[in-house]
Amino acid sequence: MKRIQLVTLRFFALLFLLPGLGGLILSAVVSTNYLDTMPRLPAPEEQRVVPRSVHGVIIYQTPDEDKRLSTIEDASVAVFVLGLGLSVWYLEQWSSFRARESEEEELSESASYPQ
């Protein structure tokens, strides 16, 4: 793999890893906010009948709130895992690149010394 390809791979790894991590943090903030503001018992008059466990406490939310938070969580995990996979691939390619570079450097040094 060439150096420019490594730079591109690192860019895309970070492009997915950082927003995925940000989304996970956002979903944690939303969950904590829900824990503070949502009722602990079903409230059918407010359509808050969908249970969710937040830190071991059951809160009740509307179907739309449940769908929104679940979408944020699922998308964030998917993007983060994709970024993590690209990061692992980048690190493997980078180590191979550095090993080849080191071998070439050693060969060029040994060729320059008379025997």
N, C-alpha and C. Protein backbone atom coordinates (compact mmCIF):
# COMPACT_ATOMS: atom_id res chain seq x y z
N MET A 1 0.86 -1.17 0.00
CA MET A 1 0.00 0.00 0.00
C MET A 1 0.90 1.23 0.00
N LYS A 2 0.54 2.21 -0.81
CA LYS A 2 1.34 3.43 -0.91
C LYS A 2 0.98 4.39 0.21
N ARG A 3 1.87 5.35 0.42
CA ARG A 3 1.68 6.32 1.50
C ARG A 3 0.38 7.10 1.34
N ILE A 4 0.05 7.52 0.12
CA ILE A 4 -1.18 8.29 -0.10
C ILE A 4 -2.41 7.45 0.22
N GLN A 5 -2.35 6.16 -0.06
CA GLN A 5 -3.46 5.27 0.28
C GLN A 5 -3.61 5.13 1.80
N LEU A 6 -2.47 5.09 2.49
CA LEU A 6 -2.52 5.03 3.96
C LEU A 6 -3.14 6.29 4.54
N VAL A 7 -2.77 7.43 3.99
CA VAL A 7 -3.33 8.69 4.47
C VAL A 7 -4.84 8.71 4.25
N THR A 8 -5.27 8.25 3.08
CA THR A 8 -6.70 8.20 2.76
C THR A 8 -7.44 7.24 3.70
N LEU A 9 -6.84 6.08 3.95
CA LEU A 9 -7.46 5.10 4.85
C LEU A 9 -7.56 5.67 6.27
N ARG A 10 -6.54 6.34 6.72
CA ARG A 10 -6.58 6.96 8.06
C ARG A 10 -7.68 8.02 8.12
N PHE A 11 -7.81 8.81 7.05
CA PHE A 11 -8.84 9.84 7.00
C PHE A 11 -10.23 9.23 7.15
N PHE A 12 -10.50 8.16 6.38
CA PHE A 12 -11.82 7.54 6.44
C PHE A 12 -12.06 6.83 7.77
N ALA A 13 -11.01 6.26 8.35
CA ALA A 13 -11.16 5.62 9.66
C ALA A 13 -11.59 6.66 10.69
N LEU A 14 -10.93 7.81 10.68
CA LEU A 14 -11.30 8.87 11.61
C LEU A 14 -12.65 9.49 11.26
N LEU A 15 -12.96 9.53 9.96
CA LEU A 15 -14.23 10.09 9.51
C LEU A 15 -15.42 9.31 10.08
N PHE A 16 -15.25 8.01 10.26
CA PHE A 16 -16.33 7.20 10.83
C PHE A 16 -16.19 7.04 12.35
N LEU A 17 -14.97 6.92 12.83
CA LEU A 17 -14.74 6.65 14.24
C LEU A 17 -15.19 7.82 15.13
N LEU A 18 -14.80 9.02 14.78
CA LEU A 18 -15.12 10.17 15.63
C LEU A 18 -16.62 10.51 15.65
N PRO A 19 -17.31 10.57 14.51
CA PRO A 19 -18.76 10.82 14.58
C PRO A 19 -19.51 9.68 15.28
N GLY A 20 -19.04 8.44 15.11
CA GLY A 20 -19.67 7.33 15.82
C GLY A 20 -19.54 7.48 17.31
N LEU A 21 -18.36 7.87 17.76
CA LEU A 21 -18.15 8.11 19.18
C LEU A 21 -18.99 9.28 19.66
N GLY A 22 -19.07 10.33 18.85
CA GLY A 22 -19.91 11.47 19.19
C GLY A 22 -21.37 11.08 19.31
N GLY A 23 -21.84 10.23 18.41
CA GLY A 23 -23.22 9.75 18.48
C GLY A 23 -23.49 8.93 19.71
N LEU A 24 -22.51 8.11 20.11
CA LEU A 24 -22.67 7.33 21.34
C LEU A 24 -22.75 8.24 22.56
N ILE A 25 -21.94 9.29 22.56
CA ILE A 25 -21.99 10.25 23.67
C ILE A 25 -23.34 10.97 23.66
N LEU A 26 -23.81 11.36 22.47
CA LEU A 26 -25.11 12.02 22.36
C LEU A 26 -26.23 11.12 22.88
N SER A 27 -26.21 9.85 22.51
CA SER A 27 -27.27 8.95 22.99
C SER A 27 -27.21 8.77 24.50
N ALA A 28 -26.00 8.79 25.08
CA ALA A 28 -25.89 8.71 26.54
C ALA A 28 -26.46 9.96 27.20
N VAL A 29 -26.21 11.11 26.59
CA VAL A 29 -26.75 12.36 27.14
C VAL A 29 -28.27 12.36 27.05
N VAL A 30 -28.81 11.91 25.91
CA VAL A 30 -30.26 11.87 25.75
C VAL A 30 -30.87 10.89 26.75
N SER A 31 -30.24 9.73 26.92
CA SER A 31 -30.75 8.74 27.89
C SER A 31 -30.76 9.31 29.30
N THR A 32 -29.70 10.00 29.67
CA THR A 32 -29.63 10.60 31.00
C THR A 32 -30.70 11.69 31.16
N ASN A 33 -30.91 12.46 30.10
CA ASN A 33 -31.97 13.47 30.13
C ASN A 33 -33.34 12.81 30.27
N TYR A 34 -33.55 11.72 29.54
CA TYR A 34 -34.81 10.99 29.66
C TYR A 34 -35.01 10.50 31.09
N LEU A 35 -33.93 10.02 31.72
CA LEU A 35 -34.01 9.52 33.09
C LEU A 35 -34.49 10.61 34.04
N ASP A 36 -34.06 11.83 33.79
CA ASP A 36 -34.45 12.95 34.66
C ASP A 36 -35.84 13.48 34.37
N THR A 37 -36.32 13.34 33.14
CA THR A 37 -37.57 14.01 32.76
C THR A 37 -38.76 13.09 32.49
N MET A 38 -38.52 11.84 32.22
CA MET A 38 -39.61 10.93 31.86
C MET A 38 -40.23 10.31 33.12
N PRO A 39 -41.52 9.96 33.01
CA PRO A 39 -42.20 9.35 34.16
C PRO A 39 -41.72 7.92 34.42
N ARG A 40 -41.82 7.51 35.66
CA ARG A 40 -41.42 6.16 36.07
C ARG A 40 -42.58 5.17 35.97
N LEU A 41 -43.77 5.70 35.74
CA LEU A 41 -44.96 4.87 35.56
C LEU A 41 -45.59 5.22 34.21
N PRO A 42 -46.28 4.26 33.58
CA PRO A 42 -46.91 4.58 32.28
C PRO A 42 -47.89 5.74 32.42
N ALA A 43 -47.89 6.60 31.40
CA ALA A 43 -48.80 7.75 31.37
C ALA A 43 -49.56 7.71 30.04
N PRO A 44 -50.63 6.88 29.97
CA PRO A 44 -51.35 6.73 28.70
C PRO A 44 -51.91 8.03 28.15
N GLU A 45 -52.28 8.98 29.02
CA GLU A 45 -52.84 10.25 28.53
C GLU A 45 -51.79 11.05 27.76
N GLU A 46 -50.48 10.82 28.04
CA GLU A 46 -49.39 11.47 27.31
C GLU A 46 -48.78 10.55 26.27
N GLN A 47 -49.35 9.35 26.10
CA GLN A 47 -48.86 8.31 25.20
C GLN A 47 -47.47 7.80 25.61
N ARG A 48 -47.13 7.94 26.86
CA ARG A 48 -45.85 7.44 27.37
C ARG A 48 -46.07 6.04 27.95
N VAL A 49 -46.05 5.06 27.05
CA VAL A 49 -46.34 3.69 27.45
C VAL A 49 -45.23 2.72 27.05
N VAL A 50 -44.20 3.20 26.35
CA VAL A 50 -43.10 2.34 25.91
C VAL A 50 -42.01 2.36 26.98
N PRO A 51 -41.73 1.20 27.60
CA PRO A 51 -40.72 1.18 28.67
C PRO A 51 -39.30 1.18 28.10
N ARG A 52 -38.39 1.79 28.85
CA ARG A 52 -36.96 1.75 28.52
C ARG A 52 -36.20 1.75 29.84
N SER A 53 -35.22 0.89 29.90
CA SER A 53 -34.37 0.83 31.09
C SER A 53 -33.17 1.75 30.88
N VAL A 54 -33.02 2.71 31.77
CA VAL A 54 -31.88 3.62 31.75
C VAL A 54 -31.19 3.50 33.09
N HIS A 55 -29.98 2.95 33.09
CA HIS A 55 -29.21 2.75 34.33
C HIS A 55 -30.00 1.95 35.35
N GLY A 56 -30.75 0.96 34.88
CA GLY A 56 -31.51 0.10 35.78
C GLY A 56 -32.85 0.66 36.23
N VAL A 57 -33.20 1.85 35.78
CA VAL A 57 -34.47 2.48 36.14
C VAL A 57 -35.38 2.43 34.91
N ILE A 58 -36.61 1.96 35.09
CA ILE A 58 -37.56 1.90 33.99
C ILE A 58 -38.26 3.26 33.87
N ILE A 59 -38.17 3.82 32.67
CA ILE A 59 -38.91 5.06 32.37
C ILE A 59 -39.87 4.73 31.24
N TYR A 60 -40.86 5.59 31.04
CA TYR A 60 -41.84 5.38 29.99
C TYR A 60 -41.80 6.56 29.03
N GLN A 61 -41.77 6.22 27.75
CA GLN A 61 -41.65 7.23 26.71
C GLN A 61 -42.66 6.98 25.60
N THR A 62 -42.79 7.93 24.69
CA THR A 62 -43.70 7.75 23.55
C THR A 62 -43.01 6.86 22.52
N PRO A 63 -43.77 6.25 21.62
CA PRO A 63 -43.16 5.44 20.56
C PRO A 63 -42.17 6.25 19.70
N ASP A 64 -42.48 7.52 19.45
CA ASP A 64 -41.58 8.35 18.65
C ASP A 64 -40.25 8.59 19.37
N GLU A 65 -40.33 8.86 20.67
CA GLU A 65 -39.10 9.06 21.44
C GLU A 65 -38.26 7.79 21.47
N ASP A 66 -38.93 6.66 21.62
CA ASP A 66 -38.23 5.38 21.63
C ASP A 66 -37.55 5.13 20.29
N LYS A 67 -38.27 5.39 19.21
CA LYS A 67 -37.71 5.17 17.86
C LYS A 67 -36.53 6.10 17.61
N ARG A 68 -36.65 7.36 18.01
CA ARG A 68 -35.58 8.34 17.80
C ARG A 68 -34.31 7.94 18.54
N LEU A 69 -34.44 7.59 19.81
CA LEU A 69 -33.27 7.22 20.60
C LEU A 69 -32.67 5.90 20.11
N SER A 70 -33.51 4.95 19.76
CA SER A 70 -33.00 3.68 19.24
C SER A 70 -32.26 3.88 17.92
N THR A 71 -32.76 4.77 17.07
CA THR A 71 -32.09 5.06 15.81
C THR A 71 -30.73 5.70 16.04
N ILE A 72 -30.67 6.65 16.97
CA ILE A 72 -29.40 7.30 17.29
C ILE A 72 -28.40 6.27 17.81
N GLU A 73 -28.85 5.42 18.72
CA GLU A 73 -27.97 4.39 19.29
C GLU A 73 -27.47 3.42 18.23
N ASP A 74 -28.40 2.89 17.44
CA ASP A 74 -28.03 1.89 16.43
C ASP A 74 -27.11 2.47 15.36
N ALA A 75 -27.43 3.66 14.87
CA ALA A 75 -26.60 4.29 13.84
C ALA A 75 -25.22 4.62 14.39
N SER A 76 -25.16 5.10 15.62
CA SER A 76 -23.88 5.45 16.23
C SER A 76 -22.99 4.22 16.39
N VAL A 77 -23.57 3.14 16.85
CA VAL A 77 -22.81 1.90 17.01
C VAL A 77 -22.31 1.42 15.65
N ALA A 78 -23.16 1.45 14.64
CA ALA A 78 -22.75 0.99 13.31
C ALA A 78 -21.61 1.84 12.75
N VAL A 79 -21.73 3.14 12.85
CA VAL A 79 -20.69 4.04 12.34
C VAL A 79 -19.40 3.86 13.14
N PHE A 80 -19.51 3.72 14.46
CA PHE A 80 -18.32 3.53 15.30
C PHE A 80 -17.63 2.21 14.97
N VAL A 81 -18.39 1.14 14.82
CA VAL A 81 -17.79 -0.17 14.50
C VAL A 81 -17.13 -0.13 13.13
N LEU A 82 -17.74 0.54 12.17
CA LEU A 82 -17.13 0.70 10.85
C LEU A 82 -15.80 1.45 10.98
N GLY A 83 -15.79 2.54 11.73
CA GLY A 83 -14.56 3.29 11.96
C GLY A 83 -13.52 2.48 12.68
N LEU A 84 -13.96 1.67 13.63
CA LEU A 84 -13.03 0.81 14.37
C LEU A 84 -12.40 -0.23 13.44
N GLY A 85 -13.22 -0.82 12.59
CA GLY A 85 -12.70 -1.78 11.62
C GLY A 85 -11.69 -1.15 10.66
N LEU A 86 -12.01 0.04 10.16
CA LEU A 86 -11.09 0.75 9.28
C LEU A 86 -9.80 1.12 10.02
N SER A 87 -9.92 1.45 11.30
CA SER A 87 -8.74 1.80 12.09
C SER A 87 -7.82 0.60 12.26
N VAL A 88 -8.40 -0.55 12.53
CA VAL A 88 -7.60 -1.77 12.67
C VAL A 88 -6.91 -2.10 11.35
N TRP A 89 -7.65 -1.99 10.26
CA TRP A 89 -7.07 -2.24 8.94
C TRP A 89 -5.94 -1.25 8.65
N TYR A 90 -6.17 0.02 8.99
CA TYR A 90 -5.14 1.03 8.79
C TYR A 90 -3.88 0.68 9.57
N LEU A 91 -4.03 0.30 10.84
CA LEU A 91 -2.87 -0.03 11.66
C LEU A 91 -2.10 -1.23 11.10
N GLU A 92 -2.83 -2.22 10.58
CA GLU A 92 -2.16 -3.37 9.97
C GLU A 92 -1.39 -2.95 8.72
N GLN A 93 -2.02 -2.14 7.88
CA GLN A 93 -1.37 -1.69 6.65
C GLN A 93 -0.19 -0.78 6.97
N TRP A 94 -0.34 0.06 7.97
CA TRP A 94 0.73 0.97 8.35
C TRP A 94 1.94 0.20 8.86
N SER A 95 1.71 -0.83 9.68
CA SER A 95 2.84 -1.62 10.19
C SER A 95 3.53 -2.37 9.06
N SER A 96 2.77 -2.87 8.10
CA SER A 96 3.38 -3.54 6.94
C SER A 96 4.19 -2.55 6.11
N PHE A 97 3.66 -1.36 5.93
CA PHE A 97 4.35 -0.32 5.18
C PHE A 97 5.67 0.05 5.85
N ARG A 98 5.62 0.23 7.17
CA ARG A 98 6.83 0.57 7.92
C ARG A 98 7.86 -0.56 7.88
N ALA A 99 7.40 -1.81 7.92
CA ALA A 99 8.32 -2.94 7.86
C ALA A 99 9.02 -2.99 6.50
N ARG A 100 8.23 -2.78 5.42
CA ARG A 100 8.82 -2.76 4.07
C ARG A 100 9.81 -1.61 3.93
N GLU A 101 9.43 -0.45 4.45
CA GLU A 101 10.30 0.72 4.40
C GLU A 101 11.61 0.44 5.13
N SER A 102 11.52 -0.21 6.27
CA SER A 102 12.71 -0.54 7.06
C SER A 102 13.60 -1.54 6.32
N GLU A 103 13.00 -2.54 5.69
CA GLU A 103 13.76 -3.53 4.93
C GLU A 103 14.47 -2.87 3.75
N GLU A 104 13.77 -1.99 3.05
CA GLU A 104 14.38 -1.30 1.92
C GLU A 104 15.53 -0.42 2.37
N GLU A 105 15.37 0.21 3.52
CA GLU A 105 16.43 1.06 4.06
C GLU A 105 17.65 0.22 4.42
N GLU A 106 17.43 -0.94 5.03
CA GLU A 106 18.54 -1.82 5.38
C GLU A 106 19.25 -2.33 4.14
N LEU A 107 18.49 -2.67 3.10
CA LEU A 107 19.10 -3.15 1.85
C LEU A 107 19.94 -2.06 1.20
N SER A 108 19.41 -0.85 1.19
CA SER A 108 20.16 0.24 0.56
C SER A 108 21.42 0.57 1.36
N GLU A 109 21.37 0.46 2.69
CA GLU A 109 22.55 0.70 3.51
C GLU A 109 23.59 -0.38 3.32
N SER A 110 23.15 -1.63 3.23
CA SER A 110 24.12 -2.73 3.06
C SER A 110 24.73 -2.71 1.66
N ALA A 111 24.00 -2.21 0.67
CA ALA A 111 24.53 -2.11 -0.68
C ALA A 111 25.55 -0.99 -0.80
N SER A 112 25.46 0.02 0.05
CA SER A 112 26.38 1.15 -0.03
C SER A 112 27.71 0.86 0.68
N TYR A 113 27.77 -0.15 1.53
CA TYR A 113 29.01 -0.50 2.22
C TYR A 113 29.78 -1.53 1.40
N PRO A 114 31.08 -1.29 1.17
CA PRO A 114 31.87 -2.29 0.42
C PRO A 114 32.12 -3.51 1.31
N GLN A 115 32.18 -4.65 0.70
CA GLN A 115 32.38 -5.89 1.45
C GLN A 115 33.77 -6.42 1.29
